[in-house]
């Protein structure tokens, strides 16, 4: 990619630097594409990497002239921290069984490149990801990262399918946020590190990226570009359960390579942080186990990014217990469906009434429905695009009639300060024919519990509230069962009964 305008930008003021970056990347930046819905309707979305094929050289996931699991002739350099004899046990493609294997013992190397390694056994990647019982919860984690980037200027996030002609579909999550410099990417791919200090940030634990990507697929590759402290960098990192399993690693190895913009050459050059040998080892591992053949093809992925942003590709997506992909990209070309969920809905009692087409049920199997209610309020001018189409926010409180706003201040505990909680409660439009009820509880703008049924015989009664005094569980699909949570549950149950009794009179 030609970037002539970068050559002299460090002699300019910061504002001029920004203008130079935007000018040189104008043709490749997705940042300008979303100013008009006509961009999507005229097919411009496909220009930026959606519905694309990974490669056309006849190779599969970087394993040249080899099947995915036929690696018996391979041997890795000791700097990669692997055993010299790769595991011959095929990687199970069903998520809930993928952690069932004998780990064995691999020899430890004498020298360790600590900056690219976490002293964690590969089995932990899988067991850690099991915190996500629901596959959409894993996608929501990646959406949270993009929404948090709104404070750094992000204006959109893309969720889409990428097509690999050899190994099926892959999942794309891309945003135009601030991106990550080399050090930040290493923090992202480490465990338990979080630099989200803002009270409004959704992410807290620094664990979401690993759990979510490993829950969705066996492998994930991250491309990120960042302009920070007058330096433009781009980095690639690979988190690969397949690589770790098949090479017999007893530590989690995360190969990464970095590049920085050279003002003399007017282009990106290799950023050698710890020696040529380490860079070569990391690049070789990336090319072998990612879907991209050759460094040039790998770096072409940055053509889809502007002067800052992050592009995550999750591949080797998991299968369900029936052997079908967990994520169904084919039933609805503008949506992502949980495989088999629609059949279950048709065979259940929901098919007998109006419930099936309501967001209160659709969110359980439709990513478009779930993402439409995932945030109480999206940041200003921030948009979510799913499969090339804008996701219209759906505000549940707007579906209610005969609404009341009830305020409740739970009694403070020794460790948590009490704050007033406002709850909007009412009947859903269509009640009492809709057998949907429950409370939608948001935390820091993010939906944690959807249509949570705390009271029986309250058909059609729905509430919406936001509470930041409770702590979500790590998968952000429930709250810790604290004393304050239990008090809130009792109060919401009373609230539903009181509302039903009042309206029945």
Protein backbone atom coordinates (compact mmCIF):
# COMPACT_ATOMS: atom_id res chain seq x y z
CA UNK A 1 0.00 0.00 0.00
CA UNK A 2 1.47 3.35 -1.00
CA UNK A 3 1.57 5.95 1.72
CA UNK A 4 3.48 8.91 0.24
CA UNK A 5 1.86 11.48 2.46
CA UNK A 6 3.45 9.93 5.55
CA UNK A 7 7.01 10.73 4.48
CA UNK A 8 7.27 14.22 5.88
CA UNK A 9 4.49 14.19 8.41
CA UNK A 10 6.73 14.20 11.48
CA UNK A 11 7.85 17.70 10.53
CA UNK A 12 4.27 18.92 10.84
CA UNK A 13 2.10 19.93 13.75
CA UNK A 14 -0.16 17.23 15.24
CA UNK A 15 -3.19 18.51 13.34
CA UNK A 16 -1.25 18.42 10.09
CA UNK A 17 -0.05 14.89 10.91
CA UNK A 18 -3.62 13.75 11.28
CA UNK A 19 -4.55 15.33 7.96
CA UNK A 20 -1.61 13.66 6.23
CA UNK A 21 -2.64 10.26 7.58
CA UNK A 22 -6.24 10.68 6.53
CA UNK A 23 -5.23 11.83 3.04
CA UNK A 24 -2.86 8.94 2.39
CA UNK A 25 -5.29 6.30 3.59
CA UNK A 26 -8.43 7.79 2.10
CA UNK A 27 -8.86 5.11 -0.53
CA UNK A 28 -8.51 2.26 1.96
CA UNK A 29 -10.20 3.71 5.03
CA UNK A 30 -13.60 2.43 6.04
CA UNK A 31 -13.93 5.52 8.20
CA UNK A 32 -15.50 7.54 5.39
CA UNK A 33 -17.80 4.82 4.14
CA UNK A 34 -20.52 5.02 6.77
CA UNK A 35 -21.49 8.68 6.23
CA UNK A 36 -24.35 7.47 4.05
CA UNK A 37 -26.49 4.37 3.93
CA UNK A 38 -26.16 4.51 0.14
CA UNK A 39 -22.62 3.17 0.53
CA UNK A 40 -23.99 -0.17 1.65
CA UNK A 41 -26.86 -0.26 -0.80
CA UNK A 42 -24.41 0.20 -3.71
CA UNK A 43 -22.30 -2.74 -2.64
CA UNK A 44 -19.35 -0.80 -1.18
CA UNK A 45 -19.43 -2.95 1.93
CA UNK A 46 -17.92 -5.89 0.05
CA UNK A 47 -14.88 -3.77 -0.81
CA UNK A 48 -13.79 -3.83 2.78
CA UNK A 49 -13.42 -7.54 3.33
CA UNK A 50 -16.85 -9.06 3.76
CA UNK A 51 -17.92 -12.32 2.18
CA UNK A 52 -14.34 -12.70 0.93
CA UNK A 53 -12.23 -15.80 0.42
CA UNK A 54 -9.07 -16.18 2.46
CA UNK A 55 -6.86 -17.58 -0.24
CA UNK A 56 -6.73 -19.18 -3.64
CA UNK A 57 -3.42 -21.03 -3.61
CA UNK A 58 -4.83 -24.43 -2.73
CA UNK A 59 -3.53 -24.38 0.85
CA UNK A 60 -5.54 -24.93 4.00
CA UNK A 61 -5.01 -22.66 6.99
CA UNK A 62 -1.36 -22.17 6.17
CA UNK A 63 -0.52 -25.90 6.17
CA UNK A 64 1.13 -26.15 2.78
CA UNK A 65 0.49 -29.46 0.99
CA UNK A 66 -0.78 -30.93 4.22
CA UNK A 67 -4.10 -31.64 5.80
CA UNK A 68 -5.01 -29.76 8.94
CA UNK A 69 -3.96 -32.57 11.25
CA UNK A 70 -1.23 -34.34 9.27
CA UNK A 71 1.84 -32.77 10.86
CA UNK A 72 3.88 -35.80 11.77
CA UNK A 73 6.83 -34.65 9.69
CA UNK A 74 6.90 -31.19 11.22
CA UNK A 75 9.45 -29.99 13.72
CA UNK A 76 9.56 -26.58 15.32
CA UNK A 77 12.44 -24.48 16.52
CA UNK A 78 12.97 -24.63 20.26
CA UNK A 79 12.37 -20.91 20.53
CA UNK A 80 8.73 -21.67 19.83
CA UNK A 81 8.55 -23.67 23.10
CA UNK A 82 7.10 -26.80 21.57
CA UNK A 83 7.94 -30.43 21.79
CA UNK A 84 9.85 -31.83 18.83
CA UNK A 85 7.09 -34.37 18.20
CA UNK A 86 3.74 -32.77 17.39
CA UNK A 87 0.60 -34.26 18.87
CA UNK A 88 -1.01 -36.84 16.61
CA UNK A 89 -4.41 -36.53 18.29
CA UNK A 90 -6.84 -34.74 15.94
CA UNK A 91 -8.40 -31.57 17.31
CA UNK A 92 -12.05 -32.20 18.06
CA UNK A 93 -14.17 -29.58 16.29
CA UNK A 94 -16.96 -29.73 18.89
CA UNK A 95 -16.28 -27.08 21.51
CA UNK A 96 -17.49 -28.92 24.60
CA UNK A 97 -15.25 -31.90 23.82
CA UNK A 98 -12.21 -30.04 22.49
CA UNK A 99 -10.52 -29.96 25.89
CA UNK A 100 -10.55 -33.73 26.29
CA UNK A 101 -7.02 -34.86 25.49
CA UNK A 102 -3.89 -36.07 27.25
CA UNK A 103 -1.59 -33.11 27.52
CA UNK A 104 1.69 -34.98 27.83
CA UNK A 105 4.91 -33.27 28.85
CA UNK A 106 6.95 -31.17 26.45
CA UNK A 107 10.60 -30.25 27.14
CA UNK A 108 11.21 -26.70 28.26
CA UNK A 109 13.63 -24.59 26.23
CA UNK A 110 16.71 -23.05 27.76
CA UNK A 111 15.81 -19.56 26.57
CA UNK A 112 12.37 -18.02 26.74
CA UNK A 113 11.01 -15.08 24.77
CA UNK A 114 8.75 -13.91 27.57
CA UNK A 115 7.20 -10.99 25.74
CA UNK A 116 5.21 -13.33 23.48
CA UNK A 117 4.42 -16.06 25.97
CA UNK A 118 2.01 -16.65 28.80
CA UNK A 119 2.97 -19.34 31.31
CA UNK A 120 -0.40 -21.03 31.00
CA UNK A 121 -1.10 -24.52 29.69
CA UNK A 122 -3.06 -24.60 26.40
CA UNK A 123 -5.84 -26.54 28.11
CA UNK A 124 -6.60 -23.40 30.05
CA UNK A 125 -7.56 -21.61 26.83
CA UNK A 126 -10.38 -24.09 26.41
CA UNK A 127 -11.44 -24.36 30.05
CA UNK A 128 -11.36 -20.58 30.36
CA UNK A 129 -13.66 -20.24 27.34
CA UNK A 130 -16.26 -22.56 28.86
CA UNK A 131 -17.41 -19.60 30.96
CA UNK A 132 -19.43 -18.72 27.84
CA UNK A 133 -22.28 -21.20 27.87
CA UNK A 134 -24.01 -19.20 25.12
CA UNK A 135 -22.17 -18.54 21.85
CA UNK A 136 -23.76 -15.09 21.40
CA UNK A 137 -22.32 -14.10 24.76
CA UNK A 138 -18.86 -14.58 23.25
CA UNK A 139 -19.68 -12.36 20.27
CA UNK A 140 -21.05 -9.74 22.66
CA UNK A 141 -17.64 -9.59 24.38
CA UNK A 142 -16.01 -8.63 21.09
CA UNK A 143 -18.73 -6.06 20.43
CA UNK A 144 -18.06 -4.60 23.88
CA UNK A 145 -14.42 -4.03 22.96
CA UNK A 146 -15.50 -2.12 19.85
CA UNK A 147 -18.11 -0.03 21.70
CA UNK A 148 -15.53 0.84 24.37
CA UNK A 149 -13.38 2.21 21.54
CA UNK A 150 -16.00 4.89 20.86
CA UNK A 151 -14.18 7.01 23.45
CA UNK A 152 -11.14 6.76 21.14
CA UNK A 153 -13.08 7.86 18.09
CA UNK A 154 -14.58 4.60 16.85
CA UNK A 155 -17.72 5.11 14.78
CA UNK A 156 -18.65 1.57 13.76
CA UNK A 157 -18.14 -2.14 14.24
CA UNK A 158 -18.57 -4.74 11.50
CA UNK A 159 -19.66 -8.34 12.15
CA UNK A 160 -19.55 -10.52 9.08
CA UNK A 161 -18.73 -13.86 7.50
CA UNK A 162 -15.48 -14.52 5.69
CA UNK A 163 -15.27 -17.51 3.38
CA UNK A 164 -12.34 -19.90 3.34
CA UNK A 165 -12.83 -22.27 0.41
CA UNK A 166 -11.01 -25.08 2.23
CA UNK A 167 -12.21 -24.99 5.82
CA UNK A 168 -15.56 -23.25 5.81
CA UNK A 169 -16.58 -19.91 7.21
CA UNK A 170 -14.77 -17.54 9.54
CA UNK A 171 -16.14 -14.73 11.69
CA UNK A 172 -14.99 -11.14 11.23
CA UNK A 173 -15.19 -8.43 13.88
CA UNK A 174 -13.70 -5.10 12.81
CA UNK A 175 -13.79 -1.57 14.23
CA UNK A 176 -12.22 1.79 13.46
CA UNK A 177 -11.17 2.53 17.03
CA UNK A 178 -7.75 3.66 18.19
CA UNK A 179 -6.18 0.28 17.55
CA UNK A 180 -3.35 -1.17 19.62
CA UNK A 181 0.35 -0.47 19.59
CA UNK A 182 2.69 -3.49 19.94
CA UNK A 183 2.67 -3.36 23.72
CA UNK A 184 -1.09 -3.01 23.95
CA UNK A 185 -1.60 -6.03 21.69
CA UNK A 186 0.58 -8.10 24.01
CA UNK A 187 -1.52 -6.96 26.94
CA UNK A 188 -4.67 -7.90 25.00
CA UNK A 189 -3.40 -11.41 24.42
CA UNK A 190 -2.20 -11.82 28.01
CA UNK A 191 -4.42 -12.94 30.86
CA UNK A 192 -5.92 -10.65 33.48
CA UNK A 193 -4.55 -7.36 32.15
CA UNK A 194 -7.02 -4.54 31.63
CA UNK A 195 -6.24 -0.89 30.92
CA UNK A 196 -9.91 0.15 30.81
CA UNK A 197 -9.92 2.56 33.72
CA UNK A 198 -13.04 4.49 32.72
CA UNK A 199 -16.14 3.94 34.84
CA UNK A 200 -18.18 3.83 31.64
CA UNK A 201 -16.13 1.04 30.03
CA UNK A 202 -17.92 -2.26 29.70
CA UNK A 203 -14.85 -4.50 29.93
CA UNK A 204 -13.30 -4.91 33.36
CA UNK A 205 -11.29 -8.09 33.70
CA UNK A 206 -8.93 -8.07 30.70
CA UNK A 207 -10.04 -11.61 29.92
CA UNK A 208 -12.84 -11.16 27.40
CA UNK A 209 -10.87 -11.40 24.16
CA UNK A 210 -9.35 -14.78 25.01
CA UNK A 211 -12.54 -16.35 26.33
CA UNK A 212 -14.70 -15.06 23.48
CA UNK A 213 -12.46 -15.94 20.55
CA UNK A 214 -11.67 -19.40 21.90
CA UNK A 215 -15.39 -20.00 22.52
CA UNK A 216 -16.21 -19.14 18.91
CA UNK A 217 -13.43 -21.02 17.15
CA UNK A 218 -10.16 -22.83 17.66
CA UNK A 219 -8.07 -20.00 16.21
CA UNK A 220 -8.07 -16.22 15.96
CA UNK A 221 -5.77 -13.78 14.19
CA UNK A 222 -5.70 -10.07 15.11
CA UNK A 223 -4.65 -7.22 12.84
CA UNK A 224 -4.36 -3.81 14.46
CA UNK A 225 -3.02 -0.42 13.40
CA UNK A 226 -2.36 2.43 15.82
CA UNK A 227 -1.13 6.01 15.60
CA UNK A 228 0.31 6.84 19.00
CA UNK A 229 2.93 9.33 20.16
CA UNK A 230 3.62 10.41 16.57
CA UNK A 231 4.41 6.83 15.57
CA UNK A 232 2.32 4.68 13.25
CA UNK A 233 2.53 0.94 13.92
CA UNK A 234 0.70 -2.16 12.79
CA UNK A 235 0.84 -5.57 14.43
CA UNK A 236 -0.43 -9.11 13.87
CA UNK A 237 -1.03 -11.68 16.60
CA UNK A 238 -2.24 -15.28 16.48
CA UNK A 239 -4.07 -17.08 19.28
CA UNK A 240 -4.30 -20.65 18.02
CA UNK A 241 -5.56 -23.63 19.95
CA UNK A 242 -4.92 -25.75 16.86
CA UNK A 243 -1.26 -24.74 16.76
CA UNK A 244 -0.77 -25.40 20.46
CA UNK A 245 -2.48 -28.79 20.33
CA UNK A 246 -0.81 -30.05 17.20
CA UNK A 247 2.72 -29.01 18.22
CA UNK A 248 2.49 -30.39 21.77
CA UNK A 249 3.06 -27.05 23.53
CA UNK A 250 2.89 -27.08 27.30
CA UNK A 251 2.74 -23.25 27.45
CA UNK A 252 0.54 -20.83 25.56
CA UNK A 253 2.61 -19.35 22.74
CA UNK A 254 1.25 -16.28 20.96
CA UNK A 255 3.27 -15.44 17.84
CA UNK A 256 3.24 -11.73 17.00
CA UNK A 257 4.98 -9.51 14.49
CA UNK A 258 5.13 -5.72 14.37
CA UNK A 259 5.72 -3.11 11.70
CA UNK A 260 6.22 0.64 11.88
CA UNK A 261 6.03 3.40 9.33
CA UNK A 262 9.40 4.50 7.98
CA UNK A 263 9.42 8.19 7.02
CA UNK A 264 12.45 7.68 4.76
CA UNK A 265 11.07 4.79 2.70
CA UNK A 266 7.49 6.03 2.89
CA UNK A 267 6.12 2.62 3.87
CA UNK A 268 5.89 0.07 6.67
CA UNK A 269 9.03 -1.85 7.63
CA UNK A 270 9.61 -4.68 10.05
CA UNK A 271 9.82 -3.53 13.65
CA UNK A 272 12.51 -5.77 15.16
CA UNK A 273 12.04 -5.68 18.92
CA UNK A 274 14.08 -8.67 20.10
CA UNK A 275 16.25 -9.81 17.21
CA UNK A 276 15.85 -11.07 13.67
CA UNK A 277 15.64 -14.73 14.72
CA UNK A 278 12.67 -14.16 16.99
CA UNK A 279 10.87 -12.12 14.34
CA UNK A 280 11.48 -14.89 11.79
CA UNK A 281 10.21 -17.58 14.18
CA UNK A 282 7.06 -15.61 14.98
CA UNK A 283 6.38 -14.81 11.32
CA UNK A 284 6.96 -18.43 10.26
CA UNK A 285 4.51 -19.67 12.89
CA UNK A 286 1.94 -17.06 11.88
CA UNK A 287 2.15 -17.99 8.21
CA UNK A 288 2.02 -21.71 8.92
CA UNK A 289 -1.03 -21.63 11.19
CA UNK A 290 -3.01 -18.63 9.92
CA UNK A 291 -5.16 -18.68 6.76
CA UNK A 292 -2.64 -16.50 4.88
CA UNK A 293 0.24 -17.72 2.70
CA UNK A 294 3.21 -15.39 2.61
CA UNK A 295 3.99 -12.15 4.41
CA UNK A 296 2.59 -10.08 1.56
CA UNK A 297 -0.82 -11.77 1.74
CA UNK A 298 -0.79 -11.44 5.52
CA UNK A 299 -0.18 -7.70 5.33
CA UNK A 300 -2.87 -7.20 2.69
CA UNK A 301 -5.39 -7.51 5.51
CA UNK A 302 -4.34 -4.04 6.63
CA UNK A 303 -5.79 -2.67 3.40
CA UNK A 304 -9.19 -3.14 5.06
CA UNK A 305 -8.23 -0.84 7.94
CA UNK A 306 -7.94 2.92 7.96
CA UNK A 307 -5.14 4.73 9.77
CA UNK A 308 -6.31 3.09 13.00
CA UNK A 309 -8.51 0.18 13.96
CA UNK A 310 -8.60 -3.53 14.71
CA UNK A 311 -9.61 -6.51 12.57
CA UNK A 312 -10.24 -9.86 14.30
CA UNK A 313 -10.76 -13.04 12.28
CA UNK A 314 -11.90 -16.16 14.14
CA UNK A 315 -11.52 -19.31 12.05
CA UNK A 316 -11.94 -23.06 12.47
CA UNK A 317 -15.32 -22.25 14.02
CA UNK A 318 -16.70 -24.82 16.42
CA UNK A 319 -19.37 -27.38 15.62
CA UNK A 320 -22.36 -28.23 17.77
CA UNK A 321 -23.09 -31.68 19.20
CA UNK A 322 -24.80 -32.71 15.97
CA UNK A 323 -21.71 -31.94 13.92
CA UNK A 324 -23.07 -28.75 12.33
CA UNK A 325 -21.43 -25.31 12.66
CA UNK A 326 -22.70 -23.54 15.78
CA UNK A 327 -23.17 -20.35 13.77
CA UNK A 328 -25.55 -20.55 10.82
CA UNK A 329 -24.70 -18.01 8.10
CA UNK A 330 -27.00 -19.45 5.44
CA UNK A 331 -30.58 -19.33 6.79
CA UNK A 332 -30.65 -15.52 6.78
CA UNK A 333 -28.10 -13.65 4.64
CA UNK A 334 -28.45 -10.55 6.80
CA UNK A 335 -28.14 -12.32 10.13
CA UNK A 336 -26.20 -14.96 12.06
CA UNK A 337 -28.37 -17.66 13.60
CA UNK A 338 -27.58 -20.27 16.24
CA UNK A 339 -27.80 -23.57 14.38
CA UNK A 340 -30.85 -25.65 15.23
CA UNK A 341 -32.47 -22.94 17.33
CA UNK A 342 -35.19 -22.19 14.79
CA UNK A 343 -36.17 -25.86 14.60
CA UNK A 344 -36.50 -25.98 18.37
CA UNK A 345 -38.66 -22.85 18.32
CA UNK A 346 -40.96 -24.31 15.65
CA UNK A 347 -41.38 -27.49 17.66
CA UNK A 348 -42.06 -25.70 20.94
CA UNK A 349 -45.11 -24.01 22.33
CA UNK A 350 -43.84 -20.67 21.01
CA UNK A 351 -44.92 -21.61 17.50
CA UNK A 352 -48.53 -21.67 18.64
CA UNK A 353 -48.82 -17.95 19.31
CA UNK A 354 -47.35 -14.56 18.48
CA UNK A 355 -44.22 -14.98 20.59
CA UNK A 356 -41.93 -16.30 17.90
CA UNK A 357 -41.51 -13.01 16.03
CA UNK A 358 -40.97 -10.89 19.11
CA UNK A 359 -37.49 -9.67 20.06
CA UNK A 360 -38.10 -11.18 23.49
CA UNK A 361 -37.66 -14.61 21.89
CA UNK A 362 -35.67 -13.78 18.76
CA UNK A 363 -32.65 -12.59 20.74
CA UNK A 364 -32.06 -16.18 21.88
CA UNK A 365 -31.14 -17.35 18.38
CA UNK A 366 -30.76 -14.22 16.17
CA UNK A 367 -27.61 -12.10 16.49
CA UNK A 368 -29.37 -9.18 14.81
CA UNK A 369 -32.13 -9.23 17.42
CA UNK A 370 -29.68 -9.68 20.30
CA UNK A 371 -27.31 -6.93 19.18
CA UNK A 372 -30.27 -4.56 18.72
CA UNK A 373 -31.05 -4.69 22.46
CA UNK A 374 -27.51 -5.28 23.74
CA UNK A 375 -26.90 -1.63 24.65
CA UNK A 376 -29.31 0.66 26.43
CA UNK A 377 -27.94 3.56 24.39
CA UNK A 378 -25.22 3.33 21.76
CA UNK A 379 -22.57 6.06 21.80
CA UNK A 380 -23.44 9.01 19.60
CA UNK A 381 -22.86 8.33 15.89
CA UNK A 382 -21.70 4.77 16.63
CA UNK A 383 -23.20 2.09 14.40
CA UNK A 384 -23.26 -1.72 14.32
CA UNK A 385 -23.23 -3.40 10.91
CA UNK A 386 -24.14 -7.07 10.68
CA UNK A 387 -23.62 -8.88 7.36
CA UNK A 388 -23.52 -5.55 5.51
CA UNK A 389 -26.71 -4.10 7.00
CA UNK A 390 -27.16 -1.59 9.79
CA UNK A 391 -28.47 -2.96 13.09
CA UNK A 392 -31.28 -0.68 14.20
CA UNK A 393 -31.22 -0.22 18.01
CA UNK A 394 -34.33 -1.59 19.69
CA UNK A 395 -35.30 0.08 22.93
CA UNK A 396 -37.44 -2.34 24.90
CA UNK A 397 -39.00 0.42 27.00
CA UNK A 398 -40.48 1.79 23.78
CA UNK A 399 -42.51 -1.42 23.38
CA UNK A 400 -44.35 -0.90 26.66
CA UNK A 401 -47.77 0.59 27.32
CA UNK A 402 -49.30 1.82 30.59
CA UNK A 403 -45.76 2.43 31.83
CA UNK A 404 -44.72 3.42 35.31
CA UNK A 405 -41.32 4.53 36.55
CA UNK A 406 -40.60 3.04 39.97
CA UNK A 407 -37.54 4.05 41.95
CA UNK A 408 -35.87 1.71 44.39
CA UNK A 409 -32.85 2.26 46.57
CA UNK A 410 -31.46 -1.02 47.90
CA UNK A 411 -30.02 -1.07 51.37
CA UNK A 412 -26.27 -0.60 51.24
CA UNK A 413 -23.93 -3.36 52.32
CA UNK A 414 -20.56 -3.07 53.99
CA UNK A 415 -18.71 -3.23 50.68
CA UNK A 416 -21.15 -1.71 48.16
CA UNK A 417 -22.58 1.80 48.29
CA UNK A 418 -26.27 1.97 47.56
CA UNK A 419 -27.55 3.96 44.57
CA UNK A 420 -31.09 4.63 43.45
CA UNK A 421 -32.36 2.35 40.68
CA UNK A 422 -35.07 3.53 38.32
CA UNK A 423 -37.22 0.85 36.70
CA UNK A 424 -39.60 1.37 33.79
CA UNK A 425 -42.34 -1.25 33.92
CA UNK A 426 -45.37 -1.83 31.72
CA UNK A 427 -47.28 -4.21 29.48
CA UNK A 428 -45.76 -5.25 26.16
CA UNK A 429 -47.70 -4.21 23.10
CA UNK A 430 -49.72 -7.29 22.25
CA UNK A 431 -50.26 -8.43 25.83
CA UNK A 432 -51.90 -10.58 27.09
CA UNK A 433 -51.51 -12.63 23.90
CA UNK A 434 -47.73 -12.52 24.30
CA UNK A 435 -46.38 -15.03 26.79
CA UNK A 436 -43.25 -12.93 27.30
CA UNK A 437 -42.36 -11.24 30.54
CA UNK A 438 -39.45 -10.41 32.79
CA UNK A 439 -36.92 -7.71 33.58
CA UNK A 440 -34.10 -6.50 31.36
CA UNK A 441 -31.19 -5.45 33.54
CA UNK A 442 -28.34 -3.38 32.13
CA UNK A 443 -24.97 -2.70 33.71
CA UNK A 444 -22.93 0.24 32.44
CA UNK A 445 -25.20 0.45 29.43
CA UNK A 446 -24.75 -3.27 28.58
CA UNK A 447 -27.54 -5.86 28.79
CA UNK A 448 -26.69 -8.54 31.36
CA UNK A 449 -30.04 -10.24 32.02
CA UNK A 450 -32.67 -10.27 29.26
CA UNK A 451 -36.34 -10.89 30.07
CA UNK A 452 -35.39 -12.34 33.44
CA UNK A 453 -38.48 -14.02 34.90
CA UNK A 454 -38.63 -13.32 38.60
CA UNK A 455 -42.39 -13.65 39.04
CA UNK A 456 -44.96 -16.11 37.69
CA UNK A 457 -48.42 -15.23 36.42
CA UNK A 458 -47.29 -11.81 35.17
CA UNK A 459 -47.83 -12.45 31.49
CA UNK A 460 -46.81 -9.54 29.27
CA UNK A 461 -45.29 -7.49 32.13
CA UNK A 462 -41.78 -6.29 31.24
CA UNK A 463 -39.36 -4.01 33.04
CA UNK A 464 -36.15 -2.20 32.04
CA UNK A 465 -33.55 -0.95 34.50
CA UNK A 466 -29.87 -0.14 34.75
CA UNK A 467 -27.83 -0.81 37.85
CA UNK A 468 -24.09 -0.25 38.21
CA UNK A 469 -23.86 -1.26 41.86
CA UNK A 470 -23.94 -4.99 41.03
CA UNK A 471 -21.04 -7.02 39.67
CA UNK A 472 -21.62 -9.05 36.49
CA UNK A 473 -20.19 -12.54 36.16
CA UNK A 474 -17.21 -12.95 33.84
CA UNK A 475 -19.36 -13.94 30.87
CA UNK A 476 -21.60 -10.88 31.43
CA UNK A 477 -24.72 -13.04 31.23
CA UNK A 478 -25.61 -12.90 34.92
CA UNK A 479 -24.77 -11.11 38.16
CA UNK A 480 -22.83 -12.35 41.13
CA UNK A 481 -25.30 -13.64 43.69
CA UNK A 482 -24.48 -10.99 46.28
CA UNK A 483 -26.69 -9.85 49.12
CA UNK A 484 -27.64 -6.74 47.15
CA UNK A 485 -28.59 -8.82 44.11
CA UNK A 486 -30.83 -11.02 46.22
CA UNK A 487 -32.54 -7.94 47.63
CA UNK A 488 -33.06 -6.58 44.12
CA UNK A 489 -34.57 -9.89 43.01
CA UNK A 490 -37.09 -9.79 45.87
CA UNK A 491 -37.99 -6.17 45.10
CA UNK A 492 -38.48 -6.82 41.37
CA UNK A 493 -40.73 -9.77 42.15
CA UNK A 494 -42.86 -7.57 44.41
CA UNK A 495 -42.84 -4.83 41.78
CA UNK A 496 -44.21 -7.17 39.10
CA UNK A 497 -46.95 -8.48 41.36
CA UNK A 498 -47.92 -4.98 42.52
CA UNK A 499 -48.11 -3.75 38.93
CA UNK A 500 -50.26 -6.71 37.83
CA UNK A 501 -52.59 -6.26 40.81
CA UNK A 502 -52.90 -2.52 40.18
CA UNK A 503 -53.73 -2.92 36.48
CA UNK A 504 -56.15 -5.77 37.16
CA UNK A 505 -58.37 -3.52 39.24
